[in-house]
Amino acid sequence: MMKTMKTVACYFRLDSKLKKRLDELSINTKKSKSSILVEALELYLAEHENEDFSFAIEALEELKSGDLKSASKKIDKVVKKLKR
């Protein structure tokens, strides 16, 4: 038996040019706008969700090896990114 995922509605604003591109892609591919947006968001999140952790992991490895100066620079970079 297949599991069905629970979905929720999500509302946001788009630039009119971006909306037009989405509409055209939906027509051309015969996919729903919702499925296109979900696919795009999944790809984006897969690429970016662990982005900040890689800097933190590198900094921790450098701390473990005793390279405090390099680790400190990387930690500062992580903090700066997270504050944005």
PDB file of N, CA and C in Angstrom:
ATOM      1  N   MET A   1       0.833  -1.176   0.000  1.00  0.00           N
ATOM      2  CA  MET A   1       0.000   0.000   0.000  1.00  0.00           C
ATOM      3  C   MET A   1       0.887   1.252   0.000  1.00  0.00           C
ATOM      4  N   MET A   2       0.599   2.213  -0.877  1.00  0.00           N
ATOM      5  CA  MET A   2       1.392   3.450  -0.943  1.00  0.00           C
ATOM      6  C   MET A   2       0.946   4.439   0.120  1.00  0.00           C
ATOM      7  N   LYS A   3       1.921   5.078   0.718  1.00  0.00           N
ATOM      8  CA  LYS A   3       1.617   6.145   1.666  1.00  0.00           C
ATOM      9  C   LYS A   3       1.340   7.425   0.897  1.00  0.00           C
ATOM     10  N   THR A   4       0.339   8.156   1.320  1.00  0.00           N
ATOM     11  CA  THR A   4       0.107   9.466   0.719  1.00  0.00           C
ATOM     12  C   THR A   4       0.639  10.511   1.677  1.00  0.00           C
ATOM     13  N   MET A   5       1.352  11.482   1.104  1.00  0.00           N
ATOM     14  CA  MET A   5       1.920  12.529   1.941  1.00  0.00           C
ATOM     15  C   MET A   5       0.864  13.593   2.206  1.00  0.00           C
ATOM     16  N   LYS A   6       0.861  14.075   3.418  1.00  0.00           N
ATOM     17  CA  LYS A   6      -0.042  15.148   3.779  1.00  0.00           C
ATOM     18  C   LYS A   6       0.479  16.441   3.150  1.00  0.00           C
ATOM     19  N   THR A   7      -0.377  17.178   2.514  1.00  0.00           N
ATOM     20  CA  THR A   7       0.036  18.443   1.914  1.00  0.00           C
ATOM     21  C   THR A   7      -0.652  19.600   2.628  1.00  0.00           C
ATOM     22  N   VAL A   8      -0.037  20.748   2.535  1.00  0.00           N
ATOM     23  CA  VAL A   8      -0.602  21.971   3.100  1.00  0.00           C
ATOM     24  C   VAL A   8      -0.524  23.062   2.042  1.00  0.00           C
ATOM     25  N   ALA A   9      -1.418  24.017   2.147  1.00  0.00           N
ATOM     26  CA  ALA A   9      -1.399  25.145   1.217  1.00  0.00           C
ATOM     27  C   ALA A   9      -0.327  26.132   1.649  1.00  0.00           C
ATOM     28  N   CYS A  10       0.317  26.727   0.675  1.00  0.00           N
ATOM     29  CA  CYS A  10       1.364  27.709   0.933  1.00  0.00           C
ATOM     30  C   CYS A  10       1.152  28.873  -0.035  1.00  0.00           C
ATOM     31  N   TYR A  11       1.074  30.052   0.488  1.00  0.00           N
ATOM     32  CA  TYR A  11       0.807  31.217  -0.345  1.00  0.00           C
ATOM     33  C   TYR A  11       1.988  32.179  -0.298  1.00  0.00           C
ATOM     34  N   PHE A  12       2.387  32.686  -1.462  1.00  0.00           N
ATOM     35  CA  PHE A  12       3.481  33.649  -1.531  1.00  0.00           C
ATOM     36  C   PHE A  12       3.323  34.487  -2.782  1.00  0.00           C
ATOM     37  N   ARG A  13       4.066  35.556  -2.853  1.00  0.00           N
ATOM     38  CA  ARG A  13       4.000  36.465  -3.995  1.00  0.00           C
ATOM     39  C   ARG A  13       5.148  36.183  -4.959  1.00  0.00           C
ATOM     40  N   LEU A  14       4.860  36.337  -6.255  1.00  0.00           N
ATOM     41  CA  LEU A  14       5.860  36.171  -7.297  1.00  0.00           C
ATOM     42  C   LEU A  14       5.927  37.430  -8.140  1.00  0.00           C
ATOM     43  N   ASP A  15       7.103  37.719  -8.634  1.00  0.00           N
ATOM     44  CA  ASP A  15       7.265  38.762  -9.629  1.00  0.00           C
ATOM     45  C   ASP A  15       6.417  38.370 -10.846  1.00  0.00           C
ATOM     46  N   SER A  16       5.788  39.316 -11.496  1.00  0.00           N
ATOM     47  CA  SER A  16       4.883  39.002 -12.612  1.00  0.00           C
ATOM     48  C   SER A  16       5.597  38.287 -13.763  1.00  0.00           C
ATOM     49  N   LYS A  17       6.862  38.622 -14.002  1.00  0.00           N
ATOM     50  CA  LYS A  17       7.612  37.947 -15.071  1.00  0.00           C
ATOM     51  C   LYS A  17       7.886  36.488 -14.708  1.00  0.00           C
ATOM     52  N   LEU A  18       8.201  36.247 -13.445  1.00  0.00           N
ATOM     53  CA  LEU A  18       8.438  34.883 -12.983  1.00  0.00           C
ATOM     54  C   LEU A  18       7.147  34.064 -13.055  1.00  0.00           C
ATOM     55  N   LYS A  19       6.045  34.689 -12.700  1.00  0.00           N
ATOM     56  CA  LYS A  19       4.740  34.018 -12.773  1.00  0.00           C
ATOM     57  C   LYS A  19       4.411  33.644 -14.208  1.00  0.00           C
ATOM     58  N   LYS A  20       4.694  34.531 -15.139  1.00  0.00           N
ATOM     59  CA  LYS A  20       4.426  34.253 -16.552  1.00  0.00           C
ATOM     60  C   LYS A  20       5.278  33.067 -17.025  1.00  0.00           C
ATOM     61  N   ARG A  21       6.547  33.039 -16.609  1.00  0.00           N
ATOM     62  CA  ARG A  21       7.425  31.913 -16.977  1.00  0.00           C
ATOM     63  C   ARG A  21       6.899  30.604 -16.400  1.00  0.00           C
ATOM     64  N   LEU A  22       6.416  30.651 -15.164  1.00  0.00           N
ATOM     65  CA  LEU A  22       5.846  29.467 -14.535  1.00  0.00           C
ATOM     66  C   LEU A  22       4.604  29.005 -15.301  1.00  0.00           C
ATOM     67  N   ASP A  23       3.745  29.929 -15.645  1.00  0.00           N
ATOM     68  CA  ASP A  23       2.544  29.595 -16.407  1.00  0.00           C
ATOM     69  C   ASP A  23       2.896  28.933 -17.735  1.00  0.00           C
ATOM     70  N   GLU A  24       3.867  29.496 -18.441  1.00  0.00           N
ATOM     71  CA  GLU A  24       4.276  28.960 -19.741  1.00  0.00           C
ATOM     72  C   GLU A  24       4.892  27.569 -19.592  1.00  0.00           C
ATOM     73  N   LEU A  25       5.726  27.387 -18.578  1.00  0.00           N
ATOM     74  CA  LEU A  25       6.337  26.079 -18.351  1.00  0.00           C
ATOM     75  C   LEU A  25       5.268  25.038 -18.026  1.00  0.00           C
ATOM     76  N   SER A  26       4.300  25.425 -17.243  1.00  0.00           N
ATOM     77  CA  SER A  26       3.218  24.529 -16.882  1.00  0.00           C
ATOM     78  C   SER A  26       2.452  24.068 -18.122  1.00  0.00           C
ATOM     79  N   ILE A  27       2.172  24.986 -19.008  1.00  0.00           N
ATOM     80  CA  ILE A  27       1.464  24.652 -20.245  1.00  0.00           C
ATOM     81  C   ILE A  27       2.331  23.762 -21.132  1.00  0.00           C
ATOM     82  N   ASN A  28       3.588  24.158 -21.308  1.00  0.00           N
ATOM     83  CA  ASN A  28       4.486  23.429 -22.213  1.00  0.00           C
ATOM     84  C   ASN A  28       4.805  22.009 -21.736  1.00  0.00           C
ATOM     85  N   THR A  29       4.902  21.827 -20.428  1.00  0.00           N
ATOM     86  CA  THR A  29       5.266  20.508 -19.893  1.00  0.00           C
ATOM     87  C   THR A  29       4.049  19.696 -19.461  1.00  0.00           C
ATOM     88  N   LYS A  30       2.882  20.333 -19.476  1.00  0.00           N
ATOM     89  CA  LYS A  30       1.645  19.698 -19.012  1.00  0.00           C
ATOM     90  C   LYS A  30       1.757  19.235 -17.557  1.00  0.00           C
ATOM     91  N   LYS A  31       2.515  20.001 -16.782  1.00  0.00           N
ATOM     92  CA  LYS A  31       2.640  19.747 -15.342  1.00  0.00           C
ATOM     93  C   LYS A  31       1.912  20.866 -14.609  1.00  0.00           C
ATOM     94  N   SER A  32       1.422  20.549 -13.422  1.00  0.00           N
ATOM     95  CA  SER A  32       0.776  21.601 -12.633  1.00  0.00           C
ATOM     96  C   SER A  32       1.831  22.584 -12.127  1.00  0.00           C
ATOM     97  N   LYS A  33       1.412  23.805 -11.926  1.00  0.00           N
ATOM     98  CA  LYS A  33       2.328  24.814 -11.381  1.00  0.00           C
ATOM     99  C   LYS A  33       2.802  24.383  -9.994  1.00  0.00           C
ATOM    100  N   SER A  34       1.916  23.773  -9.249  1.00  0.00           N
ATOM    101  CA  SER A  34       2.275  23.302  -7.918  1.00  0.00           C
ATOM    102  C   SER A  34       3.388  22.260  -7.983  1.00  0.00           C
ATOM    103  N   SER A  35       3.272  21.305  -8.893  1.00  0.00           N
ATOM    104  CA  SER A  35       4.304  20.261  -8.976  1.00  0.00           C
ATOM    105  C   SER A  35       5.645  20.842  -9.438  1.00  0.00           C
ATOM    106  N   ILE A  36       5.607  21.828 -10.311  1.00  0.00           N
ATOM    107  CA  ILE A  36       6.843  22.487 -10.755  1.00  0.00           C
ATOM    108  C   ILE A  36       7.503  23.204  -9.582  1.00  0.00           C
ATOM    109  N   LEU A  37       6.712  23.917  -8.805  1.00  0.00           N
ATOM    110  CA  LEU A  37       7.258  24.650  -7.659  1.00  0.00           C
ATOM    111  C   LEU A  37       7.783  23.704  -6.579  1.00  0.00           C
ATOM    112  N   VAL A  38       7.083  22.618  -6.334  1.00  0.00           N
ATOM    113  CA  VAL A  38       7.545  21.641  -5.340  1.00  0.00           C
ATOM    114  C   VAL A  38       8.874  21.044  -5.786  1.00  0.00           C
ATOM    115  N   GLU A  39       8.964  20.665  -7.059  1.00  0.00           N
ATOM    116  CA  GLU A  39      10.210  20.090  -7.579  1.00  0.00           C
ATOM    117  C   GLU A  39      11.364  21.090  -7.472  1.00  0.00           C
ATOM    118  N   ALA A  40      11.107  22.338  -7.826  1.00  0.00           N
ATOM    119  CA  ALA A  40      12.143  23.371  -7.755  1.00  0.00           C
ATOM    120  C   ALA A  40      12.582  23.602  -6.309  1.00  0.00           C
ATOM    121  N   LEU A  41      11.639  23.632  -5.399  1.00  0.00           N
ATOM    122  CA  LEU A  41      11.967  23.847  -3.988  1.00  0.00           C
ATOM    123  C   LEU A  41      12.743  22.671  -3.417  1.00  0.00           C
ATOM    124  N   GLU A  42      12.358  21.450  -3.785  1.00  0.00           N
ATOM    125  CA  GLU A  42      13.089  20.269  -3.320  1.00  0.00           C
ATOM    126  C   GLU A  42      14.540  20.299  -3.807  1.00  0.00           C
ATOM    127  N   LEU A  43      14.742  20.655  -5.071  1.00  0.00           N
ATOM    128  CA  LEU A  43      16.105  20.740  -5.612  1.00  0.00           C
ATOM    129  C   LEU A  43      16.914  21.817  -4.897  1.00  0.00           C
ATOM    130  N   TYR A  44      16.304  22.975  -4.684  1.00  0.00           N
ATOM    131  CA  TYR A  44      16.985  24.079  -4.013  1.00  0.00           C
ATOM    132  C   TYR A  44      17.390  23.686  -2.593  1.00  0.00           C
ATOM    133  N   LEU A  45      16.447  23.107  -1.865  1.00  0.00           N
ATOM    134  CA  LEU A  45      16.732  22.729  -0.483  1.00  0.00           C
ATOM    135  C   LEU A  45      17.795  21.640  -0.406  1.00  0.00           C
ATOM    136  N   ALA A  46      17.743  20.676  -1.300  1.00  0.00           N
ATOM    137  CA  ALA A  46      18.745  19.620  -1.310  1.00  0.00           C
ATOM    138  C   ALA A  46      20.141  20.195  -1.518  1.00  0.00           C
ATOM    139  N   GLU A  47      20.228  21.230  -2.321  1.00  0.00           N
ATOM    140  CA  GLU A  47      21.523  21.842  -2.611  1.00  0.00           C
ATOM    141  C   GLU A  47      22.005  22.752  -1.487  1.00  0.00           C
ATOM    142  N   HIS A  48      21.072  23.407  -0.791  1.00  0.00           N
ATOM    143  CA  HIS A  48      21.471  24.447   0.154  1.00  0.00           C
ATOM    144  C   HIS A  48      21.263  24.144   1.628  1.00  0.00           C
ATOM    145  N   GLU A  49      20.484  23.152   1.986  1.00  0.00           N
ATOM    146  CA  GLU A  49      20.136  22.996   3.393  1.00  0.00           C
ATOM    147  C   GLU A  49      21.319  22.635   4.294  1.00  0.00           C
ATOM    148  N   ASN A  50      22.331  21.988   3.773  1.00  0.00           N
ATOM    149  CA  ASN A  50      23.494  21.635   4.586  1.00  0.00           C
ATOM    150  C   ASN A  50      24.683  22.548   4.321  1.00  0.00           C
ATOM    151  N   GLU A  51      24.459  23.577   3.560  1.00  0.00           N
ATOM    152  CA  GLU A  51      25.529  24.481   3.155  1.00  0.00           C
ATOM    153  C   GLU A  51      26.304  25.059   4.337  1.00  0.00           C
ATOM    154  N   ASP A  52      25.617  25.582   5.324  1.00  0.00           N
ATOM    155  CA  ASP A  52      26.287  26.214   6.451  1.00  0.00           C
ATOM    156  C   ASP A  52      27.009  25.206   7.328  1.00  0.00           C
ATOM    157  N   PHE A  53      26.531  23.981   7.384  1.00  0.00           N
ATOM    158  CA  PHE A  53      27.148  22.979   8.230  1.00  0.00           C
ATOM    159  C   PHE A  53      28.532  22.568   7.735  1.00  0.00           C
ATOM    160  N   SER A  54      28.763  22.634   6.426  1.00  0.00           N
ATOM    161  CA  SER A  54      30.073  22.227   5.924  1.00  0.00           C
ATOM    162  C   SER A  54      31.170  23.141   6.472  1.00  0.00           C
ATOM    163  N   PHE A  55      30.905  24.432   6.567  1.00  0.00           N
ATOM    164  CA  PHE A  55      31.883  25.356   7.140  1.00  0.00           C
ATOM    165  C   PHE A  55      32.101  25.043   8.618  1.00  0.00           C
ATOM    166  N   ALA A  56      31.013  24.748   9.310  1.00  0.00           N
ATOM    167  CA  ALA A  56      31.113  24.449  10.735  1.00  0.00           C
ATOM    168  C   ALA A  56      31.897  23.161  10.957  1.00  0.00           C
ATOM    169  N   ILE A  57      31.635  22.157  10.131  1.00  0.00           N
ATOM    170  CA  ILE A  57      32.341  20.884  10.266  1.00  0.00           C
ATOM    171  C   ILE A  57      33.835  21.074  10.010  1.00  0.00           C
ATOM    172  N   GLU A  58      34.174  21.832   8.965  1.00  0.00           N
ATOM    173  CA  GLU A  58      35.592  22.109   8.675  1.00  0.00           C
ATOM    174  C   GLU A  58      36.247  22.839   9.843  1.00  0.00           C
ATOM    175  N   ALA A  59      35.541  23.816  10.406  1.00  0.00           N
ATOM    176  CA  ALA A  59      36.094  24.571  11.525  1.00  0.00           C
ATOM    177  C   ALA A  59      36.330  23.666  12.731  1.00  0.00           C
ATOM    178  N   LEU A  60      35.394  22.761  12.994  1.00  0.00           N
ATOM    179  CA  LEU A  60      35.558  21.836  14.110  1.00  0.00           C
ATOM    180  C   LEU A  60      36.745  20.899  13.885  1.00  0.00           C
ATOM    181  N   GLU A  61      36.908  20.437  12.653  1.00  0.00           N
ATOM    182  CA  GLU A  61      38.050  19.568  12.331  1.00  0.00           C
ATOM    183  C   GLU A  61      39.362  20.313  12.561  1.00  0.00           C
ATOM    184  N   GLU A  62      39.404  21.589  12.179  1.00  0.00           N
ATOM    185  CA  GLU A  62      40.619  22.375  12.378  1.00  0.00           C
ATOM    186  C   GLU A  62      40.872  22.644  13.853  1.00  0.00           C
ATOM    187  N   LEU A  63      39.797  22.827  14.612  1.00  0.00           N
ATOM    188  CA  LEU A  63      39.962  22.989  16.054  1.00  0.00           C
ATOM    189  C   LEU A  63      40.549  21.723  16.663  1.00  0.00           C
ATOM    190  N   LYS A  64      40.034  20.574  16.223  1.00  0.00           N
ATOM    191  CA  LYS A  64      40.550  19.299  16.726  1.00  0.00           C
ATOM    192  C   LYS A  64      42.018  19.113  16.391  1.00  0.00           C
ATOM    193  N   SER A  65      42.425  19.607  15.220  1.00  0.00           N
ATOM    194  CA  SER A  65      43.826  19.430  14.818  1.00  0.00           C
ATOM    195  C   SER A  65      44.735  20.511  15.398  1.00  0.00           C
ATOM    196  N   GLY A  66      44.155  21.506  16.077  1.00  0.00           N
ATOM    197  CA  GLY A  66      44.947  22.539  16.718  1.00  0.00           C
ATOM    198  C   GLY A  66      45.152  23.793  15.887  1.00  0.00           C
ATOM    199  N   ASP A  67      44.534  23.873  14.692  1.00  0.00           N
ATOM    200  CA  ASP A  67      44.678  25.049  13.834  1.00  0.00           C
ATOM    201  C   ASP A  67      43.624  26.089  14.225  1.00  0.00           C
ATOM    202  N   LEU A  68      43.877  26.770  15.328  1.00  0.00           N
ATOM    203  CA  LEU A  68      42.905  27.698  15.889  1.00  0.00           C
ATOM    204  C   LEU A  68      42.655  28.920  15.006  1.00  0.00           C
ATOM    205  N   LYS A  69      43.701  29.428  14.360  1.00  0.00           N
ATOM    206  CA  LYS A  69      43.564  30.625  13.527  1.00  0.00           C
ATOM    207  C   LYS A  69      42.625  30.366  12.342  1.00  0.00           C
ATOM    208  N   SER A  70      42.851  29.275  11.641  1.00  0.00           N
ATOM    209  CA  SER A  70      42.019  28.931  10.493  1.00  0.00           C
ATOM    210  C   SER A  70      40.594  28.615  10.932  1.00  0.00           C
ATOM    211  N   ALA A  71      40.459  27.885  12.032  1.00  0.00           N
ATOM    212  CA  ALA A  71      39.135  27.539  12.553  1.00  0.00           C
ATOM    213  C   ALA A  71      38.370  28.794  12.930  1.00  0.00           C
ATOM    214  N   SER A  72      39.046  29.737  13.543  1.00  0.00           N
ATOM    215  CA  SER A  72      38.406  30.980  13.954  1.00  0.00           C
ATOM    216  C   SER A  72      37.858  31.755  12.758  1.00  0.00           C
ATOM    217  N   LYS A  73      38.628  31.787  11.667  1.00  0.00           N
ATOM    218  CA  LYS A  73      38.170  32.472  10.451  1.00  0.00           C
ATOM    219  C   LYS A  73      36.913  31.803   9.897  1.00  0.00           C
ATOM    220  N   LYS A  74      36.904  30.480   9.880  1.00  0.00           N
ATOM    221  CA  LYS A  74      35.741  29.755   9.355  1.00  0.00           C
ATOM    222  C   LYS A  74      34.526  29.945  10.256  1.00  0.00           C
ATOM    223  N   ILE A  75      34.736  29.944  11.556  1.00  0.00           N
ATOM    224  CA  ILE A  75      33.625  30.159  12.483  1.00  0.00           C
ATOM    225  C   ILE A  75      33.047  31.554  12.284  1.00  0.00           C
ATOM    226  N   ASP A  76      33.912  32.555  12.112  1.00  0.00           N
ATOM    227  CA  ASP A  76      33.443  33.911  11.846  1.00  0.00           C
ATOM    228  C   ASP A  76      32.604  33.959  10.570  1.00  0.00           C
ATOM    229  N   LYS A  77      33.017  33.206   9.555  1.00  0.00           N
ATOM    230  CA  LYS A  77      32.283  33.155   8.286  1.00  0.00           C
ATOM    231  C   LYS A  77      30.905  32.528   8.471  1.00  0.00           C
ATOM    232  N   VAL A  78      30.835  31.464   9.262  1.00  0.00           N
ATOM    233  CA  VAL A  78      29.559  30.797   9.535  1.00  0.00           C
ATOM    234  C   VAL A  78      28.621  31.754  10.269  1.00  0.00           C
ATOM    235  N   VAL A  79      29.137  32.410  11.291  1.00  0.00           N
ATOM    236  CA  VAL A  79      28.324  33.337  12.074  1.00  0.00           C
ATOM    237  C   VAL A  79      27.789  34.462  11.183  1.00  0.00           C
ATOM    238  N   LYS A  80      28.644  34.988  10.323  1.00  0.00           N
ATOM    239  CA  LYS A  80      28.253  36.063   9.404  1.00  0.00           C
ATOM    240  C   LYS A  80      27.118  35.597   8.489  1.00  0.00           C
ATOM    241  N   LYS A  81      27.240  34.383   7.926  1.00  0.00           N
ATOM    242  CA  LYS A  81      26.205  33.839   7.050  1.00  0.00           C
ATOM    243  C   LYS A  81      24.881  33.643   7.792  1.00  0.00           C
ATOM    244  N   LEU A  82      24.963  33.140   9.011  1.00  0.00           N
ATOM    245  CA  LEU A  82      23.746  32.865   9.768  1.00  0.00           C
ATOM    246  C   LEU A  82      23.030  34.142  10.194  1.00  0.00           C
ATOM    247  N   LYS A  83      23.762  35.247  10.313  1.00  0.00           N
ATOM    248  CA  LYS A  83      23.160  36.518  10.717  1.00  0.00           C
ATOM    249  C   LYS A  83      22.403  37.200   9.584  1.00  0.00           C
ATOM    250  N   ARG A  84      22.648  36.755   8.341  1.00  0.00           N
ATOM    251  CA  ARG A  84      21.964  37.395   7.197  1.00  0.00           C
ATOM    252  C   ARG A  84      20.498  37.236   7.243  1.00  0.00           C
TER     253      ARG A  84
END
